Amino acid sequence: MSLQLETQLWVQALTRRANIEGSYSTIERVGDKERGDVLVKIIDGKGGGSVYGKAFNPDGPTVFRRLPQGSPAETESDANAYIEGRITSDPDLWIVEIQDHAGRHFLTERILPDKDPFS
């Protein structure tokens, strides 16, 4: 049995970490409070944007990766376009936006590399 943090609590912790470090964060969209998936949109202040989301990990602990897989978003408009497509297919989706001049994501989970090392 795996104990998972409720999504709402996890999102609140992420936004608080970002705000404590001096970045602006907001919850743009509220999904299912207990088990909704989360996308984290990062805006770097120079027009750059990226999206992070949970990735499958058969070993257990939650991991994240930049999305979309294979060709990650590079601009804020790329990030928004990807997110709009995901919202259409997942009504329980949470969207967190973090604006940070250095482009930090404040995720404490492991981040998978953009490129698959086995390909």
PDB file of N, CA and C in Angstrom:
ATOM      1  N   MET A   1       0.838  -1.178   0.000  1.00  0.00           N
ATOM      2  CA  MET A   1       0.000   0.000   0.000  1.00  0.00           C
ATOM      3  C   MET A   1       0.884   1.242   0.000  1.00  0.00           C
ATOM      4  N   SER A   2       0.536   2.216  -0.822  1.00  0.00           N
ATOM      5  CA  SER A   2       1.288   3.452  -0.929  1.00  0.00           C
ATOM      6  C   SER A   2       0.474   4.604  -0.338  1.00  0.00           C
ATOM      7  N   LEU A   3       1.097   5.353   0.547  1.00  0.00           N
ATOM      8  CA  LEU A   3       0.431   6.527   1.096  1.00  0.00           C
ATOM      9  C   LEU A   3       0.795   7.723   0.234  1.00  0.00           C
ATOM     10  N   GLN A   4      -0.221   8.374  -0.308  1.00  0.00           N
ATOM     11  CA  GLN A   4       0.010   9.540  -1.147  1.00  0.00           C
ATOM     12  C   GLN A   4      -0.577  10.765  -0.485  1.00  0.00           C
ATOM     13  N   LEU A   5       0.108  11.869  -0.636  1.00  0.00           N
ATOM     14  CA  LEU A   5      -0.382  13.141  -0.154  1.00  0.00           C
ATOM     15  C   LEU A   5      -1.553  13.575  -1.026  1.00  0.00           C
ATOM     16  N   GLU A   6      -2.589  14.129  -0.405  1.00  0.00           N
ATOM     17  CA  GLU A   6      -3.698  14.653  -1.202  1.00  0.00           C
ATOM     18  C   GLU A   6      -3.169  15.740  -2.128  1.00  0.00           C
ATOM     19  N   THR A   7      -3.703  15.800  -3.327  1.00  0.00           N
ATOM     20  CA  THR A   7      -3.238  16.755  -4.317  1.00  0.00           C
ATOM     21  C   THR A   7      -3.340  18.188  -3.814  1.00  0.00           C
ATOM     22  N   GLN A   8      -4.449  18.530  -3.180  1.00  0.00           N
ATOM     23  CA  GLN A   8      -4.636  19.900  -2.704  1.00  0.00           C
ATOM     24  C   GLN A   8      -3.514  20.310  -1.738  1.00  0.00           C
ATOM     25  N   LEU A   9      -3.166  19.443  -0.817  1.00  0.00           N
ATOM     26  CA  LEU A   9      -2.108  19.737   0.150  1.00  0.00           C
ATOM     27  C   LEU A   9      -0.752  19.850  -0.546  1.00  0.00           C
ATOM     28  N   TRP A  10      -0.480  18.957  -1.502  1.00  0.00           N
ATOM     29  CA  TRP A  10       0.778  18.989  -2.249  1.00  0.00           C
ATOM     30  C   TRP A  10       0.915  20.308  -3.019  1.00  0.00           C
ATOM     31  N   VAL A  11      -0.170  20.737  -3.668  1.00  0.00           N
ATOM     32  CA  VAL A  11      -0.161  21.989  -4.434  1.00  0.00           C
ATOM     33  C   VAL A  11       0.080  23.180  -3.504  1.00  0.00           C
ATOM     34  N   GLN A  12      -0.575  23.197  -2.366  1.00  0.00           N
ATOM     35  CA  GLN A  12      -0.385  24.294  -1.412  1.00  0.00           C
ATOM     36  C   GLN A  12       1.062  24.360  -0.931  1.00  0.00           C
ATOM     37  N   ALA A  13       1.673  23.209  -0.692  1.00  0.00           N
ATOM     38  CA  ALA A  13       3.075  23.177  -0.258  1.00  0.00           C
ATOM     39  C   ALA A  13       4.001  23.711  -1.350  1.00  0.00           C
ATOM     40  N   LEU A  14       3.753  23.325  -2.600  1.00  0.00           N
ATOM     41  CA  LEU A  14       4.575  23.807  -3.716  1.00  0.00           C
ATOM     42  C   LEU A  14       4.476  25.323  -3.857  1.00  0.00           C
ATOM     43  N   THR A  15       3.266  25.862  -3.841  1.00  0.00           N
ATOM     44  CA  THR A  15       3.110  27.314  -3.998  1.00  0.00           C
ATOM     45  C   THR A  15       3.740  28.053  -2.819  1.00  0.00           C
ATOM     46  N   ARG A  16       3.637  27.501  -1.657  1.00  0.00           N
ATOM     47  CA  ARG A  16       4.253  28.139  -0.479  1.00  0.00           C
ATOM     48  C   ARG A  16       5.781  28.157  -0.607  1.00  0.00           C
ATOM     49  N   ARG A  17       6.380  27.030  -1.044  1.00  0.00           N
ATOM     50  CA  ARG A  17       7.839  26.998  -1.246  1.00  0.00           C
ATOM     51  C   ARG A  17       8.275  28.087  -2.213  1.00  0.00           C
ATOM     52  N   ALA A  18       7.559  28.214  -3.320  1.00  0.00           N
ATOM     53  CA  ALA A  18       7.916  29.224  -4.322  1.00  0.00           C
ATOM     54  C   ALA A  18       7.780  30.631  -3.752  1.00  0.00           C
ATOM     55  N   ASN A  19       6.691  30.895  -3.053  1.00  0.00           N
ATOM     56  CA  ASN A  19       6.461  32.232  -2.502  1.00  0.00           C
ATOM     57  C   ASN A  19       7.498  32.589  -1.435  1.00  0.00           C
ATOM     58  N   ILE A  20       7.860  31.628  -0.594  1.00  0.00           N
ATOM     59  CA  ILE A  20       8.873  31.871   0.443  1.00  0.00           C
ATOM     60  C   ILE A  20      10.207  32.256  -0.189  1.00  0.00           C
ATOM     61  N   GLU A  21      10.518  31.675  -1.351  1.00  0.00           N
ATOM     62  CA  GLU A  21      11.776  31.968  -2.045  1.00  0.00           C
ATOM     63  C   GLU A  21      11.715  33.253  -2.870  1.00  0.00           C
ATOM     64  N   GLY A  22      10.589  33.966  -2.811  1.00  0.00           N
ATOM     65  CA  GLY A  22      10.483  35.256  -3.491  1.00  0.00           C
ATOM     66  C   GLY A  22       9.901  35.203  -4.888  1.00  0.00           C
ATOM     67  N   SER A  23       9.410  34.067  -5.302  1.00  0.00           N
ATOM     68  CA  SER A  23       8.780  33.940  -6.615  1.00  0.00           C
ATOM     69  C   SER A  23       7.277  34.117  -6.468  1.00  0.00           C
ATOM     70  N   TYR A  24       6.626  34.374  -7.583  1.00  0.00           N
ATOM     71  CA  TYR A  24       5.172  34.486  -7.589  1.00  0.00           C
ATOM     72  C   TYR A  24       4.608  33.142  -8.039  1.00  0.00           C
ATOM     73  N   SER A  25       3.643  32.639  -7.297  1.00  0.00           N
ATOM     74  CA  SER A  25       2.984  31.401  -7.723  1.00  0.00           C
ATOM     75  C   SER A  25       1.491  31.536  -7.510  1.00  0.00           C
ATOM     76  N   THR A  26       0.755  30.871  -8.365  1.00  0.00           N
ATOM     77  CA  THR A  26      -0.694  30.895  -8.253  1.00  0.00           C
ATOM     78  C   THR A  26      -1.260  29.564  -8.728  1.00  0.00           C
ATOM     79  N   ILE A  27      -2.417  29.233  -8.197  1.00  0.00           N
ATOM     80  CA  ILE A  27      -3.138  28.050  -8.659  1.00  0.00           C
ATOM     81  C   ILE A  27      -4.092  28.537  -9.735  1.00  0.00           C
ATOM     82  N   GLU A  28      -3.780  28.230 -10.986  1.00  0.00           N
ATOM     83  CA  GLU A  28      -4.592  28.698 -12.110  1.00  0.00           C
ATOM     84  C   GLU A  28      -5.848  27.873 -12.307  1.00  0.00           C
ATOM     85  N   ARG A  29      -5.789  26.620 -11.912  1.00  0.00           N
ATOM     86  CA  ARG A  29      -6.943  25.736 -12.100  1.00  0.00           C
ATOM     87  C   ARG A  29      -6.961  24.705 -10.984  1.00  0.00           C
ATOM     88  N   VAL A  30      -8.128  24.541 -10.371  1.00  0.00           N
ATOM     89  CA  VAL A  30      -8.298  23.579  -9.283  1.00  0.00           C
ATOM     90  C   VAL A  30      -8.917  22.307  -9.851  1.00  0.00           C
ATOM     91  N   GLY A  31      -8.273  21.198  -9.584  1.00  0.00           N
ATOM     92  CA  GLY A  31      -8.785  19.906 -10.029  1.00  0.00           C
ATOM     93  C   GLY A  31      -9.344  19.119  -8.860  1.00  0.00           C
ATOM     94  N   ASP A  32      -9.354  17.810  -8.991  1.00  0.00           N
ATOM     95  CA  ASP A  32      -9.829  16.940  -7.919  1.00  0.00           C
ATOM     96  C   ASP A  32      -8.928  17.119  -6.695  1.00  0.00           C
ATOM     97  N   LYS A  33      -9.533  17.400  -5.554  1.00  0.00           N
ATOM     98  CA  LYS A  33      -8.775  17.740  -4.346  1.00  0.00           C
ATOM     99  C   LYS A  33      -7.926  16.591  -3.805  1.00  0.00           C
ATOM    100  N   GLU A  34      -8.328  15.368  -4.080  1.00  0.00           N
ATOM    101  CA  GLU A  34      -7.592  14.228  -3.530  1.00  0.00           C
ATOM    102  C   GLU A  34      -6.632  13.577  -4.516  1.00  0.00           C
ATOM    103  N   ARG A  35      -7.049  13.369  -5.754  1.00  0.00           N
ATOM    104  CA  ARG A  35      -6.250  12.576  -6.692  1.00  0.00           C
ATOM    105  C   ARG A  35      -6.048  13.221  -8.059  1.00  0.00           C
ATOM    106  N   GLY A  36      -6.315  14.509  -8.190  1.00  0.00           N
ATOM    107  CA  GLY A  36      -6.135  15.152  -9.490  1.00  0.00           C
ATOM    108  C   GLY A  36      -4.669  15.197  -9.891  1.00  0.00           C
ATOM    109  N   ASP A  37      -4.413  15.121 -11.183  1.00  0.00           N
ATOM    110  CA  ASP A  37      -3.056  15.260 -11.702  1.00  0.00           C
ATOM    111  C   ASP A  37      -2.688  16.742 -11.672  1.00  0.00           C
ATOM    112  N   VAL A  38      -1.381  17.048 -11.693  1.00  0.00           N
ATOM    113  CA  VAL A  38      -0.912  18.428 -11.592  1.00  0.00           C
ATOM    114  C   VAL A  38       0.070  18.723 -12.715  1.00  0.00           C
ATOM    115  N   LEU A  39      -0.114  19.873 -13.354  1.00  0.00           N
ATOM    116  CA  LEU A  39       0.888  20.410 -14.268  1.00  0.00           C
ATOM    117  C   LEU A  39       1.433  21.683 -13.636  1.00  0.00           C
ATOM    118  N   VAL A  40       2.754  21.836 -13.675  1.00  0.00           N
ATOM    119  CA  VAL A  40       3.410  23.012 -13.121  1.00  0.00           C
ATOM    120  C   VAL A  40       3.997  23.800 -14.283  1.00  0.00           C
ATOM    121  N   LYS A  41       3.472  25.011 -14.477  1.00  0.00           N
ATOM    122  CA  LYS A  41       3.950  25.882 -15.564  1.00  0.00           C
ATOM    123  C   LYS A  41       4.947  26.874 -14.979  1.00  0.00           C
ATOM    124  N   ILE A  42       6.131  26.945 -15.581  1.00  0.00           N
ATOM    125  CA  ILE A  42       7.184  27.845 -15.130  1.00  0.00           C
ATOM    126  C   ILE A  42       7.360  28.944 -16.173  1.00  0.00           C
ATOM    127  N   ILE A  43       7.294  30.195 -15.723  1.00  0.00           N
ATOM    128  CA  ILE A  43       7.536  31.350 -16.587  1.00  0.00           C
ATOM    129  C   ILE A  43       8.787  32.037 -16.054  1.00  0.00           C
ATOM    130  N   ASP A  44       9.779  32.254 -16.937  1.00  0.00           N
ATOM    131  CA  ASP A  44      11.075  32.739 -16.452  1.00  0.00           C
ATOM    132  C   ASP A  44      11.281  34.246 -16.535  1.00  0.00           C
ATOM    133  N   GLY A  45      10.315  35.006 -17.024  1.00  0.00           N
ATOM    134  CA  GLY A  45      10.468  36.452 -17.089  1.00  0.00           C
ATOM    135  C   GLY A  45      11.133  36.944 -18.363  1.00  0.00           C
ATOM    136  N   LYS A  46      11.611  36.051 -19.205  1.00  0.00           N
ATOM    137  CA  LYS A  46      12.247  36.425 -20.473  1.00  0.00           C
ATOM    138  C   LYS A  46      11.473  35.862 -21.656  1.00  0.00           C
ATOM    139  N   GLY A  47      10.223  35.477 -21.415  1.00  0.00           N
ATOM    140  CA  GLY A  47       9.413  34.883 -22.473  1.00  0.00           C
ATOM    141  C   GLY A  47       9.508  33.373 -22.527  1.00  0.00           C
ATOM    142  N   GLY A  48      10.386  32.811 -21.717  1.00  0.00           N
ATOM    143  CA  GLY A  48      10.536  31.361 -21.685  1.00  0.00           C
ATOM    144  C   GLY A  48       9.484  30.724 -20.797  1.00  0.00           C
ATOM    145  N   GLY A  49       9.095  29.535 -21.174  1.00  0.00           N
ATOM    146  CA  GLY A  49       8.105  28.812 -20.387  1.00  0.00           C
ATOM    147  C   GLY A  49       8.345  27.322 -20.488  1.00  0.00           C
ATOM    148  N   SER A  50       8.003  26.624 -19.444  1.00  0.00           N
ATOM    149  CA  SER A  50       8.106  25.170 -19.468  1.00  0.00           C
ATOM    150  C   SER A  50       6.987  24.587 -18.627  1.00  0.00           C
ATOM    151  N   VAL A  51       6.731  23.309 -18.838  1.00  0.00           N
ATOM    152  CA  VAL A  51       5.682  22.599 -18.115  1.00  0.00           C
ATOM    153  C   VAL A  51       6.288  21.323 -17.545  1.00  0.00           C
ATOM    154  N   TYR A  52       5.987  21.062 -16.285  1.00  0.00           N
ATOM    155  CA  TYR A  52       6.406  19.829 -15.634  1.00  0.00           C
ATOM    156  C   TYR A  52       5.170  19.054 -15.221  1.00  0.00           C
ATOM    157  N   GLY A  53       5.228  17.742 -15.367  1.00  0.00           N
ATOM    158  CA  GLY A  53       4.132  16.881 -14.956  1.00  0.00           C
ATOM    159  C   GLY A  53       4.672  15.566 -14.438  1.00  0.00           C
ATOM    160  N   LYS A  54       3.823  14.839 -13.739  1.00  0.00           N
ATOM    161  CA  LYS A  54       4.229  13.544 -13.198  1.00  0.00           C
ATOM    162  C   LYS A  54       4.528  12.569 -14.329  1.00  0.00           C
ATOM    163  N   ALA A  55       5.515  11.728 -14.099  1.00  0.00           N
ATOM    164  CA  ALA A  55       5.890  10.699 -15.067  1.00  0.00           C
ATOM    165  C   ALA A  55       5.768   9.338 -14.399  1.00  0.00           C
ATOM    166  N   PHE A  56       5.559   8.324 -15.207  1.00  0.00           N
ATOM    167  CA  PHE A  56       5.452   6.957 -14.690  1.00  0.00           C
ATOM    168  C   PHE A  56       6.782   6.529 -14.088  1.00  0.00           C
ATOM    169  N   ASN A  57       6.715   5.953 -12.903  1.00  0.00           N
ATOM    170  CA  ASN A  57       7.907   5.418 -12.256  1.00  0.00           C
ATOM    171  C   ASN A  57       7.552   4.077 -11.625  1.00  0.00           C
ATOM    172  N   PRO A  58       7.959   2.978 -12.241  1.00  0.00           N
ATOM    173  CA  PRO A  58       7.607   1.663 -11.702  1.00  0.00           C
ATOM    174  C   PRO A  58       8.244   1.376 -10.341  1.00  0.00           C
ATOM    175  N   ASP A  59       9.273   2.153  -9.968  1.00  0.00           N
ATOM    176  CA  ASP A  59       9.952   1.927  -8.691  1.00  0.00           C
ATOM    177  C   ASP A  59       9.242   2.574  -7.511  1.00  0.00           C
ATOM    178  N   GLY A  60       8.227   3.372  -7.769  1.00  0.00           N
ATOM    179  CA  GLY A  60       7.433   3.891  -6.669  1.00  0.00           C
ATOM    180  C   GLY A  60       7.378   5.387  -6.475  1.00  0.00           C
ATOM    181  N   PRO A  61       8.470   6.050  -6.046  1.00  0.00           N
ATOM    182  CA  PRO A  61       8.346   7.466  -5.708  1.00  0.00           C
ATOM    183  C   PRO A  61       7.951   8.309  -6.921  1.00  0.00           C
ATOM    184  N   THR A  62       7.204   9.362  -6.654  1.00  0.00           N
ATOM    185  CA  THR A  62       6.765  10.258  -7.721  1.00  0.00           C
ATOM    186  C   THR A  62       7.963  10.933  -8.369  1.00  0.00           C
ATOM    187  N   VAL A  63       7.965  10.976  -9.686  1.00  0.00           N
ATOM    188  CA  VAL A  63       8.984  11.698 -10.451  1.00  0.00           C
ATOM    189  C   VAL A  63       8.271  12.629 -11.417  1.00  0.00           C
ATOM    190  N   PHE A  64       8.986  13.659 -11.858  1.00  0.00           N
ATOM    191  CA  PHE A  64       8.435  14.614 -12.809  1.00  0.00           C
ATOM    192  C   PHE A  64       9.322  14.673 -14.036  1.00  0.00           C
ATOM    193  N   ARG A  65       8.759  15.214 -15.122  1.00  0.00           N
ATOM    194  CA  ARG A  65       9.531  15.449 -16.342  1.00  0.00           C
ATOM    195  C   ARG A  65       8.964  16.670 -17.042  1.00  0.00           C
ATOM    196  N   ARG A  66       9.810  17.267 -17.887  1.00  0.00           N
ATOM    197  CA  ARG A  66       9.337  18.388 -18.707  1.00  0.00           C
ATOM    198  C   ARG A  66       8.439  17.835 -19.796  1.00  0.00           C
ATOM    199  N   LEU A  67       7.409  18.602 -20.116  1.00  0.00           N
ATOM    200  CA  LEU A  67       6.421  18.174 -21.100  1.00  0.00           C
ATOM    201  C   LEU A  67       6.300  19.200 -22.215  1.00  0.00           C
ATOM    202  N   PRO A  68       5.765  18.823 -23.371  1.00  0.00           N
ATOM    203  CA  PRO A  68       5.474  17.458 -23.771  1.00  0.00           C
ATOM    204  C   PRO A  68       6.764  16.667 -23.982  1.00  0.00           C
ATOM    205  N   GLN A  69       6.666  15.390 -23.677  1.00  0.00           N
ATOM    206  CA  GLN A  69       7.820  14.505 -23.771  1.00  0.00           C
ATOM    207  C   GLN A  69       8.317  14.474 -25.211  1.00  0.00           C
ATOM    208  N   GLY A  70       9.627  14.555 -25.377  1.00  0.00           N
ATOM    209  CA  GLY A  70      10.216  14.517 -26.715  1.00  0.00           C
ATOM    210  C   GLY A  70      10.523  15.898 -27.256  1.00  0.00           C
ATOM    211  N   SER A  71       9.630  16.861 -27.023  1.00  0.00           N
ATOM    212  CA  SER A  71       9.884  18.245 -27.450  1.00  0.00           C
ATOM    213  C   SER A  71       9.275  19.193 -26.417  1.00  0.00           C
ATOM    214  N   PRO A  72       9.967  19.374 -25.284  1.00  0.00           N
ATOM    215  CA  PRO A  72       9.418  20.183 -24.204  1.00  0.00           C
ATOM    216  C   PRO A  72       9.118  21.618 -24.629  1.00  0.00           C
ATOM    217  N   ALA A  73       8.116  22.195 -23.983  1.00  0.00           N
ATOM    218  CA  ALA A  73       7.751  23.592 -24.233  1.00  0.00           C
ATOM    219  C   ALA A  73       8.960  24.482 -23.953  1.00  0.00           C
ATOM    220  N   GLU A  74       9.145  25.496 -24.798  1.00  0.00           N
ATOM    221  CA  GLU A  74      10.260  26.432 -24.632  1.00  0.00           C
ATOM    222  C   GLU A  74       9.782  27.856 -24.355  1.00  0.00           C
ATOM    223  N   THR A  75       8.545  28.175 -24.745  1.00  0.00           N
ATOM    224  CA  THR A  75       8.013  29.521 -24.550  1.00  0.00           C
ATOM    225  C   THR A  75       6.716  29.452 -23.751  1.00  0.00           C
ATOM    226  N   GLU A  76       6.287  30.606 -23.251  1.00  0.00           N
ATOM    227  CA  GLU A  76       5.034  30.640 -22.504  1.00  0.00           C
ATOM    228  C   GLU A  76       3.864  30.219 -23.385  1.00  0.00           C
ATOM    229  N   SER A  77       3.868  30.616 -24.656  1.00  0.00           N
ATOM    230  CA  SER A  77       2.763  30.223 -25.543  1.00  0.00           C
ATOM    231  C   SER A  77       2.784  28.718 -25.821  1.00  0.00           C
ATOM    232  N   ASP A  78       3.967  28.110 -25.947  1.00  0.00           N
ATOM    233  CA  ASP A  78       4.063  26.642 -26.080  1.00  0.00           C
ATOM    234  C   ASP A  78       3.465  25.962 -24.852  1.00  0.00           C
ATOM    235  N   ALA A  79       3.825  26.474 -23.679  1.00  0.00           N
ATOM    236  CA  ALA A  79       3.334  25.900 -22.424  1.00  0.00           C
ATOM    237  C   ALA A  79       1.818  25.998 -22.353  1.00  0.00           C
ATOM    238  N   ASN A  80       1.279  27.170 -22.693  1.00  0.00           N
ATOM    239  CA  ASN A  80      -0.176  27.361 -22.640  1.00  0.00           C
ATOM    240  C   ASN A  80      -0.903  26.447 -23.617  1.00  0.00           C
ATOM    241  N   ALA A  81      -0.354  26.278 -24.808  1.00  0.00           N
ATOM    242  CA  ALA A  81      -0.985  25.411 -25.809  1.00  0.00           C
ATOM    243  C   ALA A  81      -1.022  23.963 -25.313  1.00  0.00           C
ATOM    244  N   TYR A  82       0.070  23.494 -24.740  1.00  0.00           N
ATOM    245  CA  TYR A  82       0.104  22.128 -24.218  1.00  0.00           C
ATOM    246  C   TYR A  82      -0.913  21.959 -23.097  1.00  0.00           C
ATOM    247  N   ILE A  83      -0.964  22.918 -22.198  1.00  0.00           N
ATOM    248  CA  ILE A  83      -1.881  22.842 -21.052  1.00  0.00           C
ATOM    249  C   ILE A  83      -3.330  22.832 -21.512  1.00  0.00           C
ATOM    250  N   GLU A  84      -3.683  23.670 -22.472  1.00  0.00           N
ATOM    251  CA  GLU A  84      -5.063  23.699 -22.981  1.00  0.00           C
ATOM    252  C   GLU A  84      -5.481  22.335 -23.519  1.00  0.00           C
ATOM    253  N   GLY A  85      -4.584  21.674 -24.226  1.00  0.00           N
ATOM    254  CA  GLY A  85      -4.885  20.338 -24.736  1.00  0.00           C
ATOM    255  C   GLY A  85      -5.107  19.327 -23.622  1.00  0.00           C
ATOM    256  N   ARG A  86      -4.317  19.422 -22.574  1.00  0.00           N
ATOM    257  CA  ARG A  86      -4.470  18.501 -21.441  1.00  0.00           C
ATOM    258  C   ARG A  86      -5.763  18.751 -20.672  1.00  0.00           C
ATOM    259  N   ILE A  87      -6.150  20.024 -20.522  1.00  0.00           N
ATOM    260  CA  ILE A  87      -7.389  20.353 -19.803  1.00  0.00           C
ATOM    261  C   ILE A  87      -8.586  19.733 -20.508  1.00  0.00           C
ATOM    262  N   THR A  88      -8.567  19.739 -21.830  1.00  0.00           N
ATOM    263  CA  THR A  88      -9.660  19.168 -22.612  1.00  0.00           C
ATOM    264  C   THR A  88      -9.868  17.693 -22.284  1.00  0.00           C
ATOM    265  N   SER A  89      -8.779  16.975 -22.060  1.00  0.00           N
ATOM    266  CA  SER A  89      -8.893  15.533 -21.827  1.00  0.00           C
ATOM    267  C   SER A  89      -8.907  15.136 -20.348  1.00  0.00           C
ATOM    268  N   ASP A  90      -8.664  16.090 -19.441  1.00  0.00           N
ATOM    269  CA  ASP A  90      -8.612  15.747 -18.013  1.00  0.00           C
ATOM    270  C   ASP A  90      -9.282  16.829 -17.168  1.00  0.00           C
ATOM    271  N   PRO A  91     -10.564  16.659 -16.855  1.00  0.00           N
ATOM    272  CA  PRO A  91     -11.278  17.684 -16.084  1.00  0.00           C
ATOM    273  C   PRO A  91     -10.817  17.792 -14.628  1.00  0.00           C
ATOM    274  N   ASP A  92     -10.057  16.828 -14.126  1.00  0.00           N
ATOM    275  CA  ASP A  92      -9.584  16.855 -12.736  1.00  0.00           C
ATOM    276  C   ASP A  92      -8.196  17.469 -12.588  1.00  0.00           C
ATOM    277  N   LEU A  93      -7.679  18.054 -13.658  1.00  0.00           N
ATOM    278  CA  LEU A  93      -6.312  18.557 -13.705  1.00  0.00           C
ATOM    279  C   LEU A  93      -6.136  19.858 -12.918  1.00  0.00           C
ATOM    280  N   TRP A  94      -5.060  19.924 -12.141  1.00  0.00           N
ATOM    281  CA  TRP A  94      -4.640  21.146 -11.462  1.00  0.00           C
ATOM    282  C   TRP A  94      -3.573  21.822 -12.323  1.00  0.00           C
ATOM    283  N   ILE A  95      -3.590  23.159 -12.356  1.00  0.00           N
ATOM    284  CA  ILE A  95      -2.547  23.927 -13.033  1.00  0.00           C
ATOM    285  C   ILE A  95      -1.957  24.900 -12.019  1.00  0.00           C
ATOM    286  N   VAL A  96      -0.651  24.803 -11.802  1.00  0.00           N
ATOM    287  CA  VAL A  96       0.064  25.728 -10.927  1.00  0.00           C
ATOM    288  C   VAL A  96       1.017  26.529 -11.803  1.00  0.00           C
ATOM    289  N   GLU A  97       0.987  27.855 -11.682  1.00  0.00           N
ATOM    290  CA  GLU A  97       1.931  28.697 -12.416  1.00  0.00           C
ATOM    291  C   GLU A  97       2.916  29.299 -11.434  1.00  0.00           C
ATOM    292  N   ILE A  98       4.197  29.208 -11.785  1.00  0.00           N
ATOM    293  CA  ILE A  98       5.257  29.822 -10.991  1.00  0.00           C
ATOM    294  C   ILE A  98       6.026  30.768 -11.897  1.00  0.00           C
ATOM    295  N   GLN A  99       6.123  32.021 -11.471  1.00  0.00           N
ATOM    296  CA  GLN A  99       6.917  33.008 -12.199  1.00  0.00           C
ATOM    297  C   GLN A  99       8.190  33.241 -11.403  1.00  0.00           C
ATOM    298  N   ASP A 100       9.313  32.863 -12.009  1.00  0.00           N
ATOM    299  CA  ASP A 100      10.601  32.966 -11.342  1.00  0.00           C
ATOM    300  C   ASP A 100      11.638  33.404 -12.366  1.00  0.00           C
ATOM    301  N   HIS A 101      12.355  34.491 -12.086  1.00  0.00           N
ATOM    302  CA  HIS A 101      13.318  35.027 -13.057  1.00  0.00           C
ATOM    303  C   HIS A 101      14.396  34.024 -13.448  1.00  0.00           C
ATOM    304  N   ALA A 102      14.739  33.125 -12.540  1.00  0.00           N
ATOM    305  CA  ALA A 102      15.758  32.110 -12.839  1.00  0.00           C
ATOM    306  C   ALA A 102      15.154  30.836 -13.432  1.00  0.00           C
ATOM    307  N   GLY A 103      13.823  30.772 -13.547  1.00  0.00           N
ATOM    308  CA  GLY A 103      13.172  29.593 -14.115  1.00  0.00           C
ATOM    309  C   GLY A 103      13.134  28.392 -13.185  1.00  0.00           C
ATOM    310  N   ARG A 104      13.228  28.623 -11.871  1.00  0.00           N
ATOM    311  CA  ARG A 104      13.208  27.510 -10.909  1.00  0.00           C
ATOM    312  C   ARG A 104      11.799  26.928 -10.800  1.00  0.00           C
ATOM    313  N   HIS A 105      11.730  25.605 -10.580  1.00  0.00           N
ATOM    314  CA  HIS A 105      10.424  24.934 -10.501  1.00  0.00           C
ATOM    315  C   HIS A 105       9.987  24.622  -9.073  1.00  0.00           C
ATOM    316  N   PHE A 106      10.898  24.574  -8.123  1.00  0.00           N
ATOM    317  CA  PHE A 106      10.617  24.324  -6.704  1.00  0.00           C
ATOM    318  C   PHE A 106      10.054  22.932  -6.416  1.00  0.00           C
ATOM    319  N   LEU A 107      10.144  22.041  -7.373  1.00  0.00           N
ATOM    320  CA  LEU A 107       9.733  20.654  -7.137  1.00  0.00           C
ATOM    321  C   LEU A 107      10.819  19.967  -6.317  1.00  0.00           C
ATOM    322  N   THR A 108      10.421  19.191  -5.329  1.00  0.00           N
ATOM    323  CA  THR A 108      11.394  18.446  -4.529  1.00  0.00           C
ATOM    324  C   THR A 108      11.554  17.017  -5.044  1.00  0.00           C
ATOM    325  N   GLU A 109      10.664  16.610  -5.925  1.00  0.00           N
ATOM    326  CA  GLU A 109      10.718  15.267  -6.510  1.00  0.00           C
ATOM    327  C   GLU A 109      11.824  15.207  -7.569  1.00  0.00           C
ATOM    328  N   ARG A 110      12.266  14.001  -7.875  1.00  0.00           N
ATOM    329  CA  ARG A 110      13.290  13.809  -8.911  1.00  0.00           C
ATOM    330  C   ARG A 110      12.725  14.214 -10.270  1.00  0.00           C
ATOM    331  N   ILE A 111      13.552  14.886 -11.072  1.00  0.00           N
ATOM    332  CA  ILE A 111      13.169  15.306 -12.423  1.00  0.00           C
ATOM    333  C   ILE A 111      13.903  14.412 -13.418  1.00  0.00           C
ATOM    334  N   LEU A 112      13.142  13.757 -14.286  1.00  0.00           N
ATOM    335  CA  LEU A 112      13.753  12.902 -15.307  1.00  0.00           C
ATOM    336  C   LEU A 112      14.398  13.765 -16.384  1.00  0.00           C
ATOM    337  N   PRO A 113      15.453  13.271 -17.025  1.00  0.00           N
ATOM    338  CA  PRO A 113      16.095  14.039 -18.096  1.00  0.00           C
ATOM    339  C   PRO A 113      15.160  14.196 -19.295  1.00  0.00           C
ATOM    340  N   ASP A 114      15.366  15.290 -20.053  1.00  0.00           N
ATOM    341  CA  ASP A 114      14.544  15.530 -21.244  1.00  0.00           C
ATOM    342  C   ASP A 114      14.709  14.425 -22.275  1.00  0.00           C
ATOM    343  N   LYS A 115      15.919  13.950 -22.432  1.00  0.00           N
ATOM    344  CA  LYS A 115      16.205  12.890 -23.407  1.00  0.00           C
ATOM    345  C   LYS A 115      16.286  11.555 -22.690  1.00  0.00           C
ATOM    346  N   ASP A 116      15.701  10.541 -23.286  1.00  0.00           N
ATOM    347  CA  ASP A 116      15.779   9.192 -22.733  1.00  0.00           C
ATOM    348  C   ASP A 116      17.209   8.684 -22.926  1.00  0.00           C
ATOM    349  N   PRO A 117      17.915   8.356 -21.844  1.00  0.00           N
ATOM    350  CA  PRO A 117      19.305   7.919 -21.988  1.00  0.00           C
ATOM    351  C   PRO A 117      19.452   6.590 -22.724  1.00  0.00           C
ATOM    352  N   PHE A 118      18.354   5.861 -22.911  1.00  0.00           N
ATOM    353  CA  PHE A 118      18.420   4.557 -23.569  1.00  0.00           C
ATOM    354  C   PHE A 118      18.040   4.610 -25.044  1.00  0.00           C
ATOM    355  N   SER A 119      17.732   5.808 -25.551  1.00  0.00           N
ATOM    356  CA  SER A 119      17.325   5.878 -26.966  1.00  0.00           C
ATOM    357  C   SER A 119      18.474   6.290 -27.849  1.00  0.00           C
TER     358      SER A 119
END
